[in-house]
């Protein structure tokens, strides 16, 4: 009996060690600012809560901003930089023109700077804000290892490398693999589409001219096509439509149910049904009401938050998130 207890304890300690090694990967670690800015995470959480409590619809754009930051040059806060006379920055690239919520990042940075000047990076603040915003709308809270440094380069042209909402499954798998993310991470992180809205212009081709013959995408449920057309007219560039109709303000598992019903808003959503592994995950979550989705989402967000990070003496700690020092 004593030997069994020792073995069980050893296995528990081994599991903890593995989790910590993943969380502390690439020079990041939990509690990174414990000595240099002990209240940093509390300040960011309080600032984020202040905004999301008044405007819950900001949670999805803030999650998307973190995703867009990490997929271009890594999680280095480059998406936060403003364009200059000589350079068009990421935020002004076509895929990022609809990003919003920068004021939340700026407010959190201002509050943290007041407590600990020049210590906490904008890249870390963005990672924390994304997590805290989703938690505010009843979504999962994942651990956020910290220690990212801010990048000094931001190019609008590089935003064109972001995964496209019109991508097929082969393209999506290649995009995620190039960032060190698995096929499972792809289908899990796609579940982030359970919250938020998109402009009608992003699905115009899918509704009105899918093959160039004035037709709709046959992979989209025909009744849903009719509903979307009633809301999104051709050439409509301003109207917003929900990505997860009925619960687009609530982080839940409904996304997989609508994808299985062929009502995913984007071609990239429908593409998940065209691969054995992603399709199996969609079906399992839809039938089990997302039994493991929250746990999986937390794990995949930790991995995504470590893409291409700058640590140590690389990069800088910006004084203002929109400007390099």
C-alpha atoms as a PDB file:
ATOM      1  CA  UNK A   1       0.000   0.000   0.000  1.00  0.00           C
ATOM      2  CA  UNK A   2       2.844   2.409   0.913  1.00  0.00           C
ATOM      3  CA  UNK A   3       4.583   1.676  -2.408  1.00  0.00           C
ATOM      4  CA  UNK A   4       1.360   2.455  -4.310  1.00  0.00           C
ATOM      5  CA  UNK A   5       1.043   5.767  -2.474  1.00  0.00           C
ATOM      6  CA  UNK A   6       4.622   6.676  -3.326  1.00  0.00           C
ATOM      7  CA  UNK A   7       4.052   5.778  -6.988  1.00  0.00           C
ATOM      8  CA  UNK A   8       0.836   7.828  -7.078  1.00  0.00           C
ATOM      9  CA  UNK A   9       2.609  10.798  -5.498  1.00  0.00           C
ATOM     10  CA  UNK A  10       5.491  10.476  -7.964  1.00  0.00           C
ATOM     11  CA  UNK A  11       3.088  10.445 -10.929  1.00  0.00           C
ATOM     12  CA  UNK A  12       1.281  13.525  -9.575  1.00  0.00           C
ATOM     13  CA  UNK A  13       4.573  15.402  -9.167  1.00  0.00           C
ATOM     14  CA  UNK A  14       5.649  14.324 -12.654  1.00  0.00           C
ATOM     15  CA  UNK A  15       2.377  15.649 -14.128  1.00  0.00           C
ATOM     16  CA  UNK A  16       2.831  18.979 -12.325  1.00  0.00           C
ATOM     17  CA  UNK A  17       6.386  19.216 -13.653  1.00  0.00           C
ATOM     18  CA  UNK A  18       5.225  18.573 -17.217  1.00  0.00           C
ATOM     19  CA  UNK A  19       2.483  21.210 -16.959  1.00  0.00           C
ATOM     20  CA  UNK A  20       4.924  23.758 -15.550  1.00  0.00           C
ATOM     21  CA  UNK A  21       7.502  23.019 -18.232  1.00  0.00           C
ATOM     22  CA  UNK A  22       4.889  23.694 -20.913  1.00  0.00           C
ATOM     23  CA  UNK A  23       3.606  26.828 -19.175  1.00  0.00           C
ATOM     24  CA  UNK A  24       7.154  28.089 -18.680  1.00  0.00           C
ATOM     25  CA  UNK A  25       8.233  27.301 -22.239  1.00  0.00           C
ATOM     26  CA  UNK A  26      10.186  29.687 -24.453  1.00  0.00           C
ATOM     27  CA  UNK A  27      11.347  31.869 -21.579  1.00  0.00           C
ATOM     28  CA  UNK A  28       7.849  32.666 -20.315  1.00  0.00           C
ATOM     29  CA  UNK A  29       6.718  31.785 -16.819  1.00  0.00           C
ATOM     30  CA  UNK A  30       3.721  32.123 -14.562  1.00  0.00           C
ATOM     31  CA  UNK A  31       4.118  34.956 -12.052  1.00  0.00           C
ATOM     32  CA  UNK A  32       6.874  36.594 -14.114  1.00  0.00           C
ATOM     33  CA  UNK A  33       6.186  40.027 -12.556  1.00  0.00           C
ATOM     34  CA  UNK A  34       5.790  38.746  -8.991  1.00  0.00           C
ATOM     35  CA  UNK A  35       8.773  40.796  -7.776  1.00  0.00           C
ATOM     36  CA  UNK A  36       9.008  43.604 -10.330  1.00  0.00           C
ATOM     37  CA  UNK A  37       5.291  44.481 -10.559  1.00  0.00           C
ATOM     38  CA  UNK A  38       3.315  42.285  -8.166  1.00  0.00           C
ATOM     39  CA  UNK A  39      -0.061  43.918  -8.871  1.00  0.00           C
ATOM     40  CA  UNK A  40       0.237  43.897 -12.664  1.00  0.00           C
ATOM     41  CA  UNK A  41      -2.207  41.048 -13.324  1.00  0.00           C
ATOM     42  CA  UNK A  42      -4.737  42.407 -10.829  1.00  0.00           C
ATOM     43  CA  UNK A  43      -4.569  45.862 -12.437  1.00  0.00           C
ATOM     44  CA  UNK A  44      -5.092  44.417 -15.929  1.00  0.00           C
ATOM     45  CA  UNK A  45      -7.982  42.228 -14.769  1.00  0.00           C
ATOM     46  CA  UNK A  46      -9.685  45.167 -13.031  1.00  0.00           C
ATOM     47  CA  UNK A  47      -9.280  47.441 -16.067  1.00  0.00           C
ATOM     48  CA  UNK A  48     -10.592  44.768 -18.432  1.00  0.00           C
ATOM     49  CA  UNK A  49     -13.591  44.065 -16.189  1.00  0.00           C
ATOM     50  CA  UNK A  50     -14.417  47.761 -16.141  1.00  0.00           C
ATOM     51  CA  UNK A  51     -14.713  47.813 -19.937  1.00  0.00           C
ATOM     52  CA  UNK A  52     -16.336  44.412 -20.522  1.00  0.00           C
ATOM     53  CA  UNK A  53     -18.966  44.978 -17.834  1.00  0.00           C
ATOM     54  CA  UNK A  54     -20.136  47.998 -19.831  1.00  0.00           C
ATOM     55  CA  UNK A  55     -19.500  46.592 -23.323  1.00  0.00           C
ATOM     56  CA  UNK A  56     -19.498  42.756 -23.332  1.00  0.00           C
ATOM     57  CA  UNK A  57     -19.301  42.772 -27.129  1.00  0.00           C
ATOM     58  CA  UNK A  58     -15.647  43.850 -26.825  1.00  0.00           C
ATOM     59  CA  UNK A  59     -14.590  40.424 -25.520  1.00  0.00           C
ATOM     60  CA  UNK A  60     -14.603  38.711 -28.918  1.00  0.00           C
ATOM     61  CA  UNK A  61     -12.608  41.467 -30.697  1.00  0.00           C
ATOM     62  CA  UNK A  62      -9.991  41.389 -27.929  1.00  0.00           C
ATOM     63  CA  UNK A  63      -9.602  37.618 -28.301  1.00  0.00           C
ATOM     64  CA  UNK A  64      -9.308  38.094 -32.068  1.00  0.00           C
ATOM     65  CA  UNK A  65      -6.701  40.825 -31.574  1.00  0.00           C
ATOM     66  CA  UNK A  66      -4.538  38.443 -29.529  1.00  0.00           C
ATOM     67  CA  UNK A  67      -4.894  35.782 -32.240  1.00  0.00           C
ATOM     68  CA  UNK A  68      -3.972  38.247 -34.991  1.00  0.00           C
ATOM     69  CA  UNK A  69      -0.987  39.455 -32.991  1.00  0.00           C
ATOM     70  CA  UNK A  70       0.399  35.962 -32.410  1.00  0.00           C
ATOM     71  CA  UNK A  71      -0.042  34.782 -36.003  1.00  0.00           C
ATOM     72  CA  UNK A  72       2.039  37.653 -37.422  1.00  0.00           C
ATOM     73  CA  UNK A  73       5.618  37.876 -36.090  1.00  0.00           C
ATOM     74  CA  UNK A  74       4.576  35.995 -32.942  1.00  0.00           C
ATOM     75  CA  UNK A  75       2.943  37.356 -29.782  1.00  0.00           C
ATOM     76  CA  UNK A  76       4.979  40.569 -29.705  1.00  0.00           C
ATOM     77  CA  UNK A  77       2.340  43.314 -29.596  1.00  0.00           C
ATOM     78  CA  UNK A  78       3.142  44.353 -33.185  1.00  0.00           C
ATOM     79  CA  UNK A  79      -0.585  44.530 -33.998  1.00  0.00           C
ATOM     80  CA  UNK A  80      -0.877  47.418 -31.510  1.00  0.00           C
ATOM     81  CA  UNK A  81       1.582  49.738 -33.287  1.00  0.00           C
ATOM     82  CA  UNK A  82       0.330  52.734 -35.261  1.00  0.00           C
ATOM     83  CA  UNK A  83       1.347  53.420 -38.833  1.00  0.00           C
ATOM     84  CA  UNK A  84       3.900  56.162 -39.415  1.00  0.00           C
ATOM     85  CA  UNK A  85       4.741  58.412 -42.355  1.00  0.00           C
ATOM     86  CA  UNK A  86       7.196  55.825 -43.635  1.00  0.00           C
ATOM     87  CA  UNK A  87       5.453  52.597 -42.616  1.00  0.00           C
ATOM     88  CA  UNK A  88       1.978  51.118 -42.809  1.00  0.00           C
ATOM     89  CA  UNK A  89       1.530  48.962 -39.700  1.00  0.00           C
ATOM     90  CA  UNK A  90      -0.272  45.636 -39.192  1.00  0.00           C
ATOM     91  CA  UNK A  91      -3.407  47.234 -37.759  1.00  0.00           C
ATOM     92  CA  UNK A  92      -3.935  48.984 -41.107  1.00  0.00           C
ATOM     93  CA  UNK A  93      -3.611  45.790 -43.132  1.00  0.00           C
ATOM     94  CA  UNK A  94      -6.889  44.574 -44.757  1.00  0.00           C
ATOM     95  CA  UNK A  95      -7.595  41.696 -42.308  1.00  0.00           C
ATOM     96  CA  UNK A  96      -7.112  44.008 -39.314  1.00  0.00           C
ATOM     97  CA  UNK A  97      -9.191  47.018 -40.337  1.00  0.00           C
ATOM     98  CA  UNK A  98     -12.142  45.680 -38.327  1.00  0.00           C
ATOM     99  CA  UNK A  99     -10.133  45.100 -35.138  1.00  0.00           C
ATOM    100  CA  UNK A 100     -11.377  47.057 -32.144  1.00  0.00           C
ATOM    101  CA  UNK A 101     -10.758  47.299 -28.425  1.00  0.00           C
ATOM    102  CA  UNK A 102      -7.398  49.055 -28.580  1.00  0.00           C
ATOM    103  CA  UNK A 103      -8.655  51.468 -25.926  1.00  0.00           C
ATOM    104  CA  UNK A 104      -8.815  48.601 -23.414  1.00  0.00           C
ATOM    105  CA  UNK A 105      -5.171  47.729 -24.019  1.00  0.00           C
ATOM    106  CA  UNK A 106      -4.155  51.389 -23.738  1.00  0.00           C
ATOM    107  CA  UNK A 107      -6.107  51.844 -20.501  1.00  0.00           C
ATOM    108  CA  UNK A 108      -4.551  48.729 -18.958  1.00  0.00           C
ATOM    109  CA  UNK A 109      -1.080  49.846 -20.017  1.00  0.00           C
ATOM    110  CA  UNK A 110      -1.600  53.331 -18.552  1.00  0.00           C
ATOM    111  CA  UNK A 111      -2.759  51.841 -15.246  1.00  0.00           C
ATOM    112  CA  UNK A 112       0.156  49.388 -15.087  1.00  0.00           C
ATOM    113  CA  UNK A 113       2.676  52.101 -16.019  1.00  0.00           C
ATOM    114  CA  UNK A 114       1.415  54.226 -13.132  1.00  0.00           C
ATOM    115  CA  UNK A 115       2.249  51.390 -10.748  1.00  0.00           C
ATOM    116  CA  UNK A 116       5.417  50.036 -12.398  1.00  0.00           C
ATOM    117  CA  UNK A 117       6.924  52.240 -15.128  1.00  0.00           C
ATOM    118  CA  UNK A 118       8.766  50.441 -17.918  1.00  0.00           C
ATOM    119  CA  UNK A 119       8.288  46.911 -16.572  1.00  0.00           C
ATOM    120  CA  UNK A 120       5.287  45.192 -18.186  1.00  0.00           C
ATOM    121  CA  UNK A 121       5.172  44.701 -21.953  1.00  0.00           C
ATOM    122  CA  UNK A 122       2.218  45.504 -24.177  1.00  0.00           C
ATOM    123  CA  UNK A 123       2.418  41.961 -25.579  1.00  0.00           C
ATOM    124  CA  UNK A 124       1.847  40.554 -22.084  1.00  0.00           C
ATOM    125  CA  UNK A 125      -0.972  43.011 -21.434  1.00  0.00           C
ATOM    126  CA  UNK A 126      -2.737  41.955 -24.643  1.00  0.00           C
ATOM    127  CA  UNK A 127      -2.413  38.272 -23.677  1.00  0.00           C
ATOM    128  CA  UNK A 128      -3.862  38.982 -20.235  1.00  0.00           C
ATOM    129  CA  UNK A 129      -6.671  41.192 -21.507  1.00  0.00           C
ATOM    130  CA  UNK A 130      -7.792  38.534 -24.009  1.00  0.00           C
ATOM    131  CA  UNK A 131      -7.989  35.929 -21.229  1.00  0.00           C
ATOM    132  CA  UNK A 132      -9.693  38.254 -18.740  1.00  0.00           C
ATOM    133  CA  UNK A 133     -12.232  39.479 -21.314  1.00  0.00           C
ATOM    134  CA  UNK A 134     -13.333  35.926 -22.173  1.00  0.00           C
ATOM    135  CA  UNK A 135     -13.545  35.039 -18.488  1.00  0.00           C
ATOM    136  CA  UNK A 136     -15.790  38.070 -17.987  1.00  0.00           C
ATOM    137  CA  UNK A 137     -18.366  36.612 -20.404  1.00  0.00           C
ATOM    138  CA  UNK A 138     -18.402  33.247 -18.591  1.00  0.00           C
ATOM    139  CA  UNK A 139     -15.732  31.663 -20.759  1.00  0.00           C
ATOM    140  CA  UNK A 140     -12.747  29.631 -19.555  1.00  0.00           C
ATOM    141  CA  UNK A 141      -9.774  31.197 -17.769  1.00  0.00           C
ATOM    142  CA  UNK A 142      -6.436  29.816 -18.898  1.00  0.00           C
ATOM    143  CA  UNK A 143      -3.008  30.318 -17.288  1.00  0.00           C
ATOM    144  CA  UNK A 144      -1.000  33.081 -19.001  1.00  0.00           C
ATOM    145  CA  UNK A 145       2.756  32.618 -18.658  1.00  0.00           C
ATOM    146  CA  UNK A 146       4.387  36.056 -18.940  1.00  0.00           C
ATOM    147  CA  UNK A 147       7.694  37.589 -19.929  1.00  0.00           C
ATOM    148  CA  UNK A 148       7.007  38.576 -23.538  1.00  0.00           C
ATOM    149  CA  UNK A 149       8.849  41.599 -24.884  1.00  0.00           C
ATOM    150  CA  UNK A 150       7.471  44.049 -27.445  1.00  0.00           C
ATOM    151  CA  UNK A 151       8.486  43.939 -31.092  1.00  0.00           C
ATOM    152  CA  UNK A 152       9.706  46.995 -32.977  1.00  0.00           C
ATOM    153  CA  UNK A 153       8.517  45.956 -36.457  1.00  0.00           C
ATOM    154  CA  UNK A 154       4.950  46.032 -37.778  1.00  0.00           C
ATOM    155  CA  UNK A 155       4.088  45.747 -41.476  1.00  0.00           C
ATOM    156  CA  UNK A 156       0.605  45.845 -42.994  1.00  0.00           C
ATOM    157  CA  UNK A 157       1.668  43.506 -45.797  1.00  0.00           C
ATOM    158  CA  UNK A 158       2.417  40.740 -43.291  1.00  0.00           C
ATOM    159  CA  UNK A 159      -1.187  40.781 -42.063  1.00  0.00           C
ATOM    160  CA  UNK A 160      -2.099  39.117 -45.369  1.00  0.00           C
ATOM    161  CA  UNK A 161      -0.519  35.907 -44.042  1.00  0.00           C
ATOM    162  CA  UNK A 162      -3.273  35.531 -41.420  1.00  0.00           C
ATOM    163  CA  UNK A 163      -5.536  32.484 -41.858  1.00  0.00           C
ATOM    164  CA  UNK A 164      -8.356  33.531 -44.190  1.00  0.00           C
ATOM    165  CA  UNK A 165     -12.066  33.048 -43.439  1.00  0.00           C
ATOM    166  CA  UNK A 166     -12.237  31.705 -47.005  1.00  0.00           C
ATOM    167  CA  UNK A 167      -9.474  29.118 -46.447  1.00  0.00           C
ATOM    168  CA  UNK A 168      -9.981  25.418 -47.104  1.00  0.00           C
ATOM    169  CA  UNK A 169      -8.901  22.742 -44.650  1.00  0.00           C
ATOM    170  CA  UNK A 170      -5.545  22.136 -46.370  1.00  0.00           C
ATOM    171  CA  UNK A 171      -4.644  25.815 -46.132  1.00  0.00           C
ATOM    172  CA  UNK A 172      -5.789  26.031 -42.514  1.00  0.00           C
ATOM    173  CA  UNK A 173      -3.765  23.004 -41.450  1.00  0.00           C
ATOM    174  CA  UNK A 174      -0.685  24.443 -43.152  1.00  0.00           C
ATOM    175  CA  UNK A 175      -1.197  27.862 -41.516  1.00  0.00           C
ATOM    176  CA  UNK A 176      -1.497  26.388 -38.032  1.00  0.00           C
ATOM    177  CA  UNK A 177       1.323  23.893 -38.542  1.00  0.00           C
ATOM    178  CA  UNK A 178       3.647  26.747 -39.555  1.00  0.00           C
ATOM    179  CA  UNK A 179       3.055  28.247 -36.096  1.00  0.00           C
ATOM    180  CA  UNK A 180       3.695  25.006 -34.248  1.00  0.00           C
ATOM    181  CA  UNK A 181       0.003  24.340 -33.672  1.00  0.00           C
ATOM    182  CA  UNK A 182      -1.649  20.975 -34.254  1.00  0.00           C
ATOM    183  CA  UNK A 183      -4.770  19.978 -36.157  1.00  0.00           C
ATOM    184  CA  UNK A 184      -6.508  19.691 -32.793  1.00  0.00           C
ATOM    185  CA  UNK A 185      -5.446  23.254 -31.929  1.00  0.00           C
ATOM    186  CA  UNK A 186      -6.988  24.356 -35.240  1.00  0.00           C
ATOM    187  CA  UNK A 187     -10.419  22.907 -34.520  1.00  0.00           C
ATOM    188  CA  UNK A 188     -10.319  23.958 -30.865  1.00  0.00           C
ATOM    189  CA  UNK A 189      -9.289  27.574 -31.501  1.00  0.00           C
ATOM    190  CA  UNK A 190     -11.886  27.815 -34.283  1.00  0.00           C
ATOM    191  CA  UNK A 191     -14.349  27.418 -31.420  1.00  0.00           C
ATOM    192  CA  UNK A 192     -13.520  31.014 -30.525  1.00  0.00           C
ATOM    193  CA  UNK A 193     -16.073  31.867 -33.219  1.00  0.00           C
ATOM    194  CA  UNK A 194     -18.720  31.062 -30.617  1.00  0.00           C
ATOM    195  CA  UNK A 195     -18.572  34.782 -29.754  1.00  0.00           C
ATOM    196  CA  UNK A 196     -18.580  37.882 -31.887  1.00  0.00           C
ATOM    197  CA  UNK A 197     -19.814  39.270 -35.166  1.00  0.00           C
ATOM    198  CA  UNK A 198     -18.497  39.804 -38.675  1.00  0.00           C
ATOM    199  CA  UNK A 199     -19.227  42.240 -41.472  1.00  0.00           C
ATOM    200  CA  UNK A 200     -21.496  41.020 -44.251  1.00  0.00           C
ATOM    201  CA  UNK A 201     -18.726  41.813 -46.714  1.00  0.00           C
ATOM    202  CA  UNK A 202     -16.718  38.867 -45.368  1.00  0.00           C
ATOM    203  CA  UNK A 203     -19.357  36.392 -46.576  1.00  0.00           C
ATOM    204  CA  UNK A 204     -20.613  38.234 -49.694  1.00  0.00           C
ATOM    205  CA  UNK A 205     -18.855  35.904 -52.146  1.00  0.00           C
ATOM    206  CA  UNK A 206     -20.088  32.882 -50.227  1.00  0.00           C
ATOM    207  CA  UNK A 207     -23.673  34.085 -50.520  1.00  0.00           C
ATOM    208  CA  UNK A 208     -23.809  35.657 -53.940  1.00  0.00           C
ATOM    209  CA  UNK A 209     -20.981  34.568 -56.238  1.00  0.00           C
ATOM    210  CA  UNK A 210     -19.253  31.495 -54.882  1.00  0.00           C
ATOM    211  CA  UNK A 211     -18.086  30.047 -58.235  1.00  0.00           C
ATOM    212  CA  UNK A 212     -18.442  33.235 -60.262  1.00  0.00           C
ATOM    213  CA  UNK A 213     -21.899  32.288 -61.532  1.00  0.00           C
ATOM    214  CA  UNK A 214     -24.066  34.195 -59.048  1.00  0.00           C
ATOM    215  CA  UNK A 215     -24.427  31.150 -56.813  1.00  0.00           C
ATOM    216  CA  UNK A 216     -24.144  30.435 -53.089  1.00  0.00           C
ATOM    217  CA  UNK A 217     -21.700  28.035 -51.427  1.00  0.00           C
ATOM    218  CA  UNK A 218     -23.426  24.607 -51.568  1.00  0.00           C
ATOM    219  CA  UNK A 219     -21.786  23.608 -48.275  1.00  0.00           C
ATOM    220  CA  UNK A 220     -23.893  26.258 -46.490  1.00  0.00           C
ATOM    221  CA  UNK A 221     -27.387  25.206 -45.380  1.00  0.00           C
ATOM    222  CA  UNK A 222     -29.823  26.565 -47.996  1.00  0.00           C
ATOM    223  CA  UNK A 223     -32.312  27.854 -45.412  1.00  0.00           C
ATOM    224  CA  UNK A 224     -29.498  29.675 -43.656  1.00  0.00           C
ATOM    225  CA  UNK A 225     -28.413  31.187 -46.974  1.00  0.00           C
ATOM    226  CA  UNK A 226     -31.909  32.661 -47.304  1.00  0.00           C
ATOM    227  CA  UNK A 227     -31.723  34.091 -43.767  1.00  0.00           C
ATOM    228  CA  UNK A 228     -28.306  35.621 -44.346  1.00  0.00           C
ATOM    229  CA  UNK A 229     -29.333  37.132 -47.684  1.00  0.00           C
ATOM    230  CA  UNK A 230     -32.252  38.868 -45.993  1.00  0.00           C
ATOM    231  CA  UNK A 231     -29.756  40.608 -43.721  1.00  0.00           C
ATOM    232  CA  UNK A 232     -26.697  40.923 -45.957  1.00  0.00           C
ATOM    233  CA  UNK A 233     -27.380  42.526 -49.313  1.00  0.00           C
ATOM    234  CA  UNK A 234     -24.796  42.482 -52.127  1.00  0.00           C
ATOM    235  CA  UNK A 235     -22.082  45.140 -51.639  1.00  0.00           C
ATOM    236  CA  UNK A 236     -23.132  45.689 -47.997  1.00  0.00           C
ATOM    237  CA  UNK A 237     -19.921  46.649 -46.183  1.00  0.00           C
ATOM    238  CA  UNK A 238     -21.352  47.945 -42.908  1.00  0.00           C
ATOM    239  CA  UNK A 239     -23.940  45.499 -41.518  1.00  0.00           C
ATOM    240  CA  UNK A 240     -22.769  43.056 -38.846  1.00  0.00           C
ATOM    241  CA  UNK A 241     -23.980  39.487 -38.596  1.00  0.00           C
ATOM    242  CA  UNK A 242     -23.581  37.079 -35.667  1.00  0.00           C
ATOM    243  CA  UNK A 243     -21.055  34.260 -35.917  1.00  0.00           C
ATOM    244  CA  UNK A 244     -23.017  32.114 -33.452  1.00  0.00           C
ATOM    245  CA  UNK A 245     -26.670  33.197 -33.820  1.00  0.00           C
ATOM    246  CA  UNK A 246     -28.546  33.280 -30.524  1.00  0.00           C
ATOM    247  CA  UNK A 247     -25.520  33.241 -28.235  1.00  0.00           C
ATOM    248  CA  UNK A 248     -22.904  35.411 -29.918  1.00  0.00           C
ATOM    249  CA  UNK A 249     -22.320  37.331 -26.662  1.00  0.00           C
ATOM    250  CA  UNK A 250     -21.822  34.191 -24.583  1.00  0.00           C
ATOM    251  CA  UNK A 251     -18.779  31.927 -24.726  1.00  0.00           C
ATOM    252  CA  UNK A 252     -20.221  28.417 -24.985  1.00  0.00           C
ATOM    253  CA  UNK A 253     -20.031  25.241 -27.087  1.00  0.00           C
ATOM    254  CA  UNK A 254     -22.817  26.145 -29.574  1.00  0.00           C
ATOM    255  CA  UNK A 255     -20.260  26.773 -32.315  1.00  0.00           C
ATOM    256  CA  UNK A 256     -19.784  23.062 -32.982  1.00  0.00           C
ATOM    257  CA  UNK A 257     -23.518  22.482 -33.187  1.00  0.00           C
ATOM    258  CA  UNK A 258     -23.974  25.163 -35.848  1.00  0.00           C
ATOM    259  CA  UNK A 259     -20.953  23.934 -37.822  1.00  0.00           C
ATOM    260  CA  UNK A 260     -22.415  20.416 -37.838  1.00  0.00           C
ATOM    261  CA  UNK A 261     -25.714  21.885 -39.093  1.00  0.00           C
ATOM    262  CA  UNK A 262     -23.742  23.502 -41.958  1.00  0.00           C
ATOM    263  CA  UNK A 263     -24.408  26.958 -40.567  1.00  0.00           C
ATOM    264  CA  UNK A 264     -20.862  28.058 -39.805  1.00  0.00           C
ATOM    265  CA  UNK A 265     -20.543  31.623 -41.079  1.00  0.00           C
ATOM    266  CA  UNK A 266     -17.191  31.274 -42.855  1.00  0.00           C
ATOM    267  CA  UNK A 267     -15.819  28.806 -45.370  1.00  0.00           C
ATOM    268  CA  UNK A 268     -13.091  28.115 -42.806  1.00  0.00           C
ATOM    269  CA  UNK A 269     -15.815  26.949 -40.397  1.00  0.00           C
ATOM    270  CA  UNK A 270     -17.361  24.632 -42.980  1.00  0.00           C
ATOM    271  CA  UNK A 271     -13.883  23.341 -43.839  1.00  0.00           C
ATOM    272  CA  UNK A 272     -13.669  21.649 -40.443  1.00  0.00           C
ATOM    273  CA  UNK A 273     -16.089  19.017 -41.749  1.00  0.00           C
ATOM    274  CA  UNK A 274     -13.689  18.144 -44.586  1.00  0.00           C
ATOM    275  CA  UNK A 275     -11.019  16.467 -42.461  1.00  0.00           C
ATOM    276  CA  UNK A 276     -11.404  13.254 -40.486  1.00  0.00           C
ATOM    277  CA  UNK A 277      -9.801  14.573 -37.295  1.00  0.00           C
ATOM    278  CA  UNK A 278     -11.458  18.008 -37.213  1.00  0.00           C
ATOM    279  CA  UNK A 279     -14.820  16.591 -38.259  1.00  0.00           C
ATOM    280  CA  UNK A 280     -14.660  13.984 -35.501  1.00  0.00           C
ATOM    281  CA  UNK A 281     -13.967  16.691 -32.916  1.00  0.00           C
ATOM    282  CA  UNK A 282     -16.849  18.864 -34.191  1.00  0.00           C
ATOM    283  CA  UNK A 283     -19.269  15.940 -33.982  1.00  0.00           C
ATOM    284  CA  UNK A 284     -18.089  14.866 -30.537  1.00  0.00           C
ATOM    285  CA  UNK A 285     -18.460  18.372 -29.092  1.00  0.00           C
ATOM    286  CA  UNK A 286     -21.837  18.948 -30.732  1.00  0.00           C
ATOM    287  CA  UNK A 287     -23.228  15.690 -29.339  1.00  0.00           C
ATOM    288  CA  UNK A 288     -21.737  16.028 -25.867  1.00  0.00           C
ATOM    289  CA  UNK A 289     -22.496  19.751 -25.470  1.00  0.00           C
ATOM    290  CA  UNK A 290     -18.825  20.664 -25.418  1.00  0.00           C
ATOM    291  CA  UNK A 291     -17.856  18.194 -22.711  1.00  0.00           C
ATOM    292  CA  UNK A 292     -14.129  18.923 -23.029  1.00  0.00           C
ATOM    293  CA  UNK A 293     -14.138  22.102 -25.125  1.00  0.00           C
ATOM    294  CA  UNK A 294     -13.309  24.527 -22.301  1.00  0.00           C
ATOM    295  CA  UNK A 295     -10.383  22.375 -21.134  1.00  0.00           C
ATOM    296  CA  UNK A 296      -9.081  21.996 -24.677  1.00  0.00           C
ATOM    297  CA  UNK A 297      -9.509  25.711 -25.394  1.00  0.00           C
ATOM    298  CA  UNK A 298      -7.424  26.603 -22.341  1.00  0.00           C
ATOM    299  CA  UNK A 299      -4.620  24.288 -23.436  1.00  0.00           C
ATOM    300  CA  UNK A 300      -4.607  25.584 -27.016  1.00  0.00           C
ATOM    301  CA  UNK A 301      -4.625  29.218 -25.877  1.00  0.00           C
ATOM    302  CA  UNK A 302      -1.540  28.602 -23.735  1.00  0.00           C
ATOM    303  CA  UNK A 303       0.203  27.140 -26.806  1.00  0.00           C
ATOM    304  CA  UNK A 304      -0.913  29.967 -29.084  1.00  0.00           C
ATOM    305  CA  UNK A 305       0.269  32.563 -26.582  1.00  0.00           C
ATOM    306  CA  UNK A 306       3.833  31.259 -26.929  1.00  0.00           C
ATOM    307  CA  UNK A 307       4.167  31.606 -30.712  1.00  0.00           C
ATOM    308  CA  UNK A 308       7.360  33.422 -31.665  1.00  0.00           C
ATOM    309  CA  UNK A 309       7.682  35.330 -28.399  1.00  0.00           C
ATOM    310  CA  UNK A 310      10.524  37.756 -27.753  1.00  0.00           C
ATOM    311  CA  UNK A 311      12.128  37.290 -24.335  1.00  0.00           C
ATOM    312  CA  UNK A 312      15.251  38.238 -22.406  1.00  0.00           C
ATOM    313  CA  UNK A 313      16.892  41.226 -24.050  1.00  0.00           C
ATOM    314  CA  UNK A 314      15.102  40.905 -27.398  1.00  0.00           C
ATOM    315  CA  UNK A 315      12.625  43.617 -28.311  1.00  0.00           C
ATOM    316  CA  UNK A 316      11.711  46.275 -25.766  1.00  0.00           C
ATOM    317  CA  UNK A 317       9.170  47.282 -23.130  1.00  0.00           C
ATOM    318  CA  UNK A 318       7.151  50.016 -24.825  1.00  0.00           C
ATOM    319  CA  UNK A 319       6.139  53.068 -22.842  1.00  0.00           C
ATOM    320  CA  UNK A 320       3.015  53.389 -25.010  1.00  0.00           C
ATOM    321  CA  UNK A 321       1.578  50.408 -26.862  1.00  0.00           C
ATOM    322  CA  UNK A 322       0.947  52.229 -30.135  1.00  0.00           C
ATOM    323  CA  UNK A 323       4.510  53.568 -30.431  1.00  0.00           C
ATOM    324  CA  UNK A 324       7.993  52.081 -30.348  1.00  0.00           C
ATOM    325  CA  UNK A 325      10.295  53.747 -27.827  1.00  0.00           C
END
